[in-house]
PDB file of N, CA and C in Angstrom:
ATOM      1  N   MET A   1      24.503  63.923  67.901  1.00  0.00           N
ATOM      2  CA  MET A   1      25.645  64.864  67.244  1.00  0.00           C
ATOM      3  C   MET A   1      25.752  65.023  68.213  1.00  0.00           C
ATOM      4  N   THR A   2      24.614  66.145  69.483  1.00  0.00           N
ATOM      5  CA  THR A   2      26.052  66.348  70.707  1.00  0.00           C
ATOM      6  C   THR A   2      25.450  65.551  71.251  1.00  0.00           C
ATOM      7  N   LYS A   3      24.873  64.545  71.417  1.00  0.00           N
ATOM      8  CA  LYS A   3      24.885  63.555  71.731  1.00  0.00           C
ATOM      9  C   LYS A   3      25.693  62.724  72.172  1.00  0.00           C
ATOM     10  N   LEU A   4      26.503  61.623  71.292  1.00  0.00           N
ATOM     11  CA  LEU A   4      27.977  61.480  70.493  1.00  0.00           C
ATOM     12  C   LEU A   4      29.503  62.282  71.098  1.00  0.00           C
ATOM     13  N   ARG A   5      29.090  63.644  70.590  1.00  0.00           N
ATOM     14  CA  ARG A   5      30.380  64.508  71.755  1.00  0.00           C
ATOM     15  C   ARG A   5      30.503  64.187  73.226  1.00  0.00           C
ATOM     16  N   LYS A   6      29.220  64.810  73.859  1.00  0.00           N
ATOM     17  CA  LYS A   6      29.145  64.537  75.310  1.00  0.00           C
ATOM     18  C   LYS A   6      29.795  62.683  75.795  1.00  0.00           C
ATOM     19  N   LEU A   7      29.019  61.851  75.108  1.00  0.00           N
ATOM     20  CA  LEU A   7      29.396  60.666  76.203  1.00  0.00           C
ATOM     21  C   LEU A   7      30.983  61.005  75.771  1.00  0.00           C
ATOM     22  N   TRP A   8      31.920  61.342  73.871  1.00  0.00           N
ATOM     23  CA  TRP A   8      32.610  61.210  73.842  1.00  0.00           C
ATOM     24  C   TRP A   8      33.761  62.183  74.843  1.00  0.00           C
ATOM     25  N   THR A   9      33.492  62.471  75.586  1.00  0.00           N
ATOM     26  CA  THR A   9      34.176  63.372  76.507  1.00  0.00           C
ATOM     27  C   THR A   9      33.592  63.599  77.606  1.00  0.00           C
ATOM     28  N   GLU A  10      32.415  62.654  78.820  1.00  0.00           N
ATOM     29  CA  GLU A  10      32.275  61.965  79.768  1.00  0.00           C
ATOM     30  C   GLU A  10      33.240  61.519  80.133  1.00  0.00           C
ATOM     31  N   GLN A  11      33.782  61.420  81.130  1.00  0.00           N
ATOM     32  CA  GLN A  11      35.023  60.728  81.849  1.00  0.00           C
ATOM     33  C   GLN A  11      33.874  59.429  82.113  1.00  0.00           C
ATOM     34  N   ARG A  12      32.393  59.599  83.051  1.00  0.00           N
ATOM     35  CA  ARG A  12      31.909  57.984  82.703  1.00  0.00           C
ATOM     36  C   ARG A  12      32.162  57.040  81.642  1.00  0.00           C
ATOM     37  N   GLY A  13      31.084  57.423  80.474  1.00  0.00           N
ATOM     38  CA  GLY A  13      31.869  56.957  79.249  1.00  0.00           C
ATOM     39  C   GLY A  13      33.044  56.036  79.311  1.00  0.00           C
ATOM     40  N   GLN A  14      33.809  56.727  79.291  1.00  0.00           N
ATOM     41  CA  GLN A  14      35.085  56.028  79.210  1.00  0.00           C
ATOM     42  C   GLN A  14      35.569  54.999  80.424  1.00  0.00           C
ATOM     43  N   ASP A  15      34.938  55.572  81.579  1.00  0.00           N
ATOM     44  CA  ASP A  15      34.796  53.988  82.514  1.00  0.00           C
ATOM     45  C   ASP A  15      33.908  52.806  81.562  1.00  0.00           C
ATOM     46  N   ILE A  16      33.560  53.147  81.179  1.00  0.00           N
ATOM     47  CA  ILE A  16      32.150  52.434  80.810  1.00  0.00           C
ATOM     48  C   ILE A  16      33.054  51.176  79.633  1.00  0.00           C
ATOM     49  N   ALA A  17      33.535  51.792  78.662  1.00  0.00           N
ATOM     50  CA  ALA A  17      34.422  51.433  77.606  1.00  0.00           C
ATOM     51  C   ALA A  17      35.276  50.042  78.018  1.00  0.00           C
ATOM     52  N   GLU A  18      35.950  50.983  79.223  1.00  0.00           N
ATOM     53  CA  GLU A  18      37.158  50.120  79.836  1.00  0.00           C
ATOM     54  C   GLU A  18      36.549  49.042  80.151  1.00  0.00           C
ATOM     55  N   TYR A  19      35.413  49.051  81.614  1.00  0.00           N
ATOM     56  CA  TYR A  19      35.264  47.859  81.682  1.00  0.00           C
ATOM     57  C   TYR A  19      34.714  46.575  80.898  1.00  0.00           C
ATOM     58  N   ALA A  20      33.966  48.041  79.408  1.00  0.00           N
ATOM     59  CA  ALA A  20      33.443  46.507  78.404  1.00  0.00           C
ATOM     60  C   ALA A  20      34.900  45.542  77.808  1.00  0.00           C
ATOM     61  N   VAL A  21      35.837  46.866  77.440  1.00  0.00           N
ATOM     62  CA  VAL A  21      37.389  46.192  77.021  1.00  0.00           C
ATOM     63  C   VAL A  21      37.204  45.207  78.187  1.00  0.00           C
ATOM     64  N   MET A  22      37.931  45.414  79.229  1.00  0.00           N
ATOM     65  CA  MET A  22      37.902  44.601  80.322  1.00  0.00           C
ATOM     66  C   MET A  22      37.598  42.789  80.484  1.00  0.00           C
ATOM     67  N   LEU A  23      35.889  42.469  80.281  1.00  0.00           N
ATOM     68  CA  LEU A  23      35.694  42.131  79.459  1.00  0.00           C
ATOM     69  C   LEU A  23      35.360  41.498  78.882  1.00  0.00           C
ATOM     70  N   ALA A  24      35.715  41.749  78.044  1.00  0.00           N
ATOM     71  CA  ALA A  24      34.923  41.147  77.526  1.00  0.00           C
ATOM     72  C   ALA A  24      37.120  40.645  76.084  1.00  0.00           C
ATOM     73  N   VAL A  25      37.643  40.760  77.445  1.00  0.00           N
ATOM     74  CA  VAL A  25      39.199  40.480  76.988  1.00  0.00           C
ATOM     75  C   VAL A  25      38.884  39.145  78.161  1.00  0.00           C
ATOM     76  N   ILE A  26      38.797  38.980  79.623  1.00  0.00           N
ATOM     77  CA  ILE A  26      37.981  38.650  80.456  1.00  0.00           C
ATOM     78  C   ILE A  26      37.527  37.390  79.750  1.00  0.00           C
ATOM     79  N   LEU A  27      36.629  37.668  78.370  1.00  0.00           N
ATOM     80  CA  LEU A  27      35.415  36.420  77.976  1.00  0.00           C
ATOM     81  C   LEU A  27      36.504  35.604  77.397  1.00  0.00           C
ATOM     82  N   VAL A  28      37.025  36.535  76.977  1.00  0.00           N
ATOM     83  CA  VAL A  28      37.620  35.611  75.715  1.00  0.00           C
ATOM     84  C   VAL A  28      39.282  34.435  76.155  1.00  0.00           C
ATOM     85  N   ILE A  29      39.437  34.514  77.196  1.00  0.00           N
ATOM     86  CA  ILE A  29      40.341  34.066  78.325  1.00  0.00           C
ATOM     87  C   ILE A  29      39.283  33.150  78.640  1.00  0.00           C
ATOM     88  N   VAL A  30      38.302  33.331  79.205  1.00  0.00           N
ATOM     89  CA  VAL A  30      37.773  32.436  79.898  1.00  0.00           C
ATOM     90  C   VAL A  30      37.626  30.681  78.667  1.00  0.00           C
ATOM     91  N   VAL A  31      36.839  31.220  77.575  1.00  0.00           N
ATOM     92  CA  VAL A  31      35.935  30.403  76.230  1.00  0.00           C
ATOM     93  C   VAL A  31      37.197  29.690  75.762  1.00  0.00           C
ATOM     94  N   GLY A  32      37.858  30.374  75.537  1.00  0.00           N
ATOM     95  CA  GLY A  32      39.966  29.712  75.513  1.00  0.00           C
ATOM     96  C   GLY A  32      39.509  28.632  76.099  1.00  0.00           C
ATOM     97  N   ALA A  33      39.898  28.563  77.687  1.00  0.00           N
ATOM     98  CA  ALA A  33      40.753  27.698  78.463  1.00  0.00           C
ATOM     99  C   ALA A  33      39.173  26.712  78.789  1.00  0.00           C
ATOM    100  N   ILE A  34      37.380  26.735  78.830  1.00  0.00           N
ATOM    101  CA  ILE A  34      37.215  26.307  78.393  1.00  0.00           C
ATOM    102  C   ILE A  34      37.491  25.229  77.708  1.00  0.00           C
ATOM    103  N   ARG A  35      37.547  25.814  75.850  1.00  0.00           N
ATOM    104  CA  ARG A  35      37.628  24.672  74.631  1.00  0.00           C
ATOM    105  C   ARG A  35      38.793  24.177  75.098  1.00  0.00           C
ATOM    106  N   LEU A  36      39.990  24.355  76.057  1.00  0.00           N
ATOM    107  CA  LEU A  36      40.784  23.457  76.180  1.00  0.00           C
ATOM    108  C   LEU A  36      41.282  22.818  76.620  1.00  0.00           C
ATOM    109  N   VAL A  37      40.421  23.354  77.608  1.00  0.00           N
ATOM    110  CA  VAL A  37      40.266  21.682  78.634  1.00  0.00           C
ATOM    111  C   VAL A  37      38.921  20.962  78.626  1.00  0.00           C
ATOM    112  N   GLY A  38      37.738  20.914  77.559  1.00  0.00           N
ATOM    113  CA  GLY A  38      36.887  20.947  77.316  1.00  0.00           C
ATOM    114  C   GLY A  38      37.191  19.171  76.243  1.00  0.00           C
ATOM    115  N   SER A  39      38.621  19.526  75.328  1.00  0.00           N
ATOM    116  CA  SER A  39      39.303  19.002  74.282  1.00  0.00           C
ATOM    117  C   SER A  39      39.618  17.270  74.970  1.00  0.00           C
ATOM    118  N   ASN A  40      40.945  18.243  75.462  1.00  0.00           N
ATOM    119  CA  ASN A  40      41.232  17.278  77.112  1.00  0.00           C
ATOM    120  C   ASN A  40      40.731  17.088  77.647  1.00  0.00           C
ATOM    121  N   ALA A  41      39.805  16.921  78.520  1.00  0.00           N
ATOM    122  CA  ALA A  41      39.014  16.210  78.715  1.00  0.00           C
ATOM    123  C   ALA A  41      38.065  15.200  77.908  1.00  0.00           C
ATOM    124  N   ASN A  42      37.793  15.376  77.237  1.00  0.00           N
ATOM    125  CA  ASN A  42      37.106  14.755  75.517  1.00  0.00           C
ATOM    126  C   ASN A  42      38.425  13.492  75.550  1.00  0.00           C
ATOM    127  N   ASN A  43      39.283  13.803  75.703  1.00  0.00           N
ATOM    128  CA  ASN A  43      40.319  12.527  75.249  1.00  0.00           C
ATOM    129  C   ASN A  43      40.586  12.430  76.619  1.00  0.00           C
ATOM    130  N   VAL A  44      40.086  12.359  77.607  1.00  0.00           N
ATOM    131  CA  VAL A  44      40.581  11.258  78.323  1.00  0.00           C
ATOM    132  C   VAL A  44      39.377  10.684  78.738  1.00  0.00           C
ATOM    133  N   PHE A  45      38.105  11.104  78.790  1.00  0.00           N
ATOM    134  CA  PHE A  45      37.055  10.131  78.470  1.00  0.00           C
ATOM    135  C   PHE A  45      37.045   8.929  77.701  1.00  0.00           C
ATOM    136  N   SER A  46      37.416   9.492  76.292  1.00  0.00           N
ATOM    137  CA  SER A  46      37.603   8.125  75.653  1.00  0.00           C
ATOM    138  C   SER A  46      38.271   7.314  75.719  1.00  0.00           C
ATOM    139  N   ALA A  47      39.406   8.236  76.185  1.00  0.00           N
ATOM    140  CA  ALA A  47      40.382   6.715  76.781  1.00  0.00           C
ATOM    141  C   ALA A  47      39.999   5.887  77.252  1.00  0.00           C
ATOM    142  N   ALA A  48      39.919   6.291  78.249  1.00  0.00           N
ATOM    143  CA  ALA A  48      39.495   5.308  79.614  1.00  0.00           C
ATOM    144  C   ALA A  48      38.064   4.702  79.354  1.00  0.00           C
ATOM    145  N   ALA A  49      36.589   5.370  77.783  1.00  0.00           N
ATOM    146  CA  ALA A  49      35.916   4.587  77.410  1.00  0.00           C
ATOM    147  C   ALA A  49      36.702   3.238  77.104  1.00  0.00           C
ATOM    148  N   SER A  50      37.083   3.535  76.034  1.00  0.00           N
ATOM    149  CA  SER A  50      38.152   2.581  74.967  1.00  0.00           C
ATOM    150  C   SER A  50      38.593   1.870  76.083  1.00  0.00           C
ATOM    151  N   SER A  51      39.008   1.698  76.638  1.00  0.00           N
ATOM    152  CA  SER A  51      40.074   0.896  77.687  1.00  0.00           C
ATOM    153  C   SER A  51      38.475   0.227  78.582  1.00  0.00           C
ATOM    154  N   ILE A  52      37.574   0.229  79.105  1.00  0.00           N
ATOM    155  CA  ILE A  52      37.483  -0.779  80.101  1.00  0.00           C
ATOM    156  C   ILE A  52      36.799  -1.909  78.724  1.00  0.00           C
ATOM    157  N   GLN A  53      35.712  -0.809  77.554  1.00  0.00           N
ATOM    158  CA  GLN A  53      35.644  -1.751  76.993  1.00  0.00           C
ATOM    159  C   GLN A  53      36.394  -2.549  76.152  1.00  0.00           C
TER     160      GLN A  53
END
């Protein structure tokens, strides 16, 4: 219990938590962008492939 209280009041622990939250937000944005670009790229390649055939 004292370790938990120590982590709660320690300033370095708060910095680590802030970095973890920022990293999670960045990852959500990156994954969303990749999924959006991936689906659009798939549509473009499918249209190109059907026009070639």
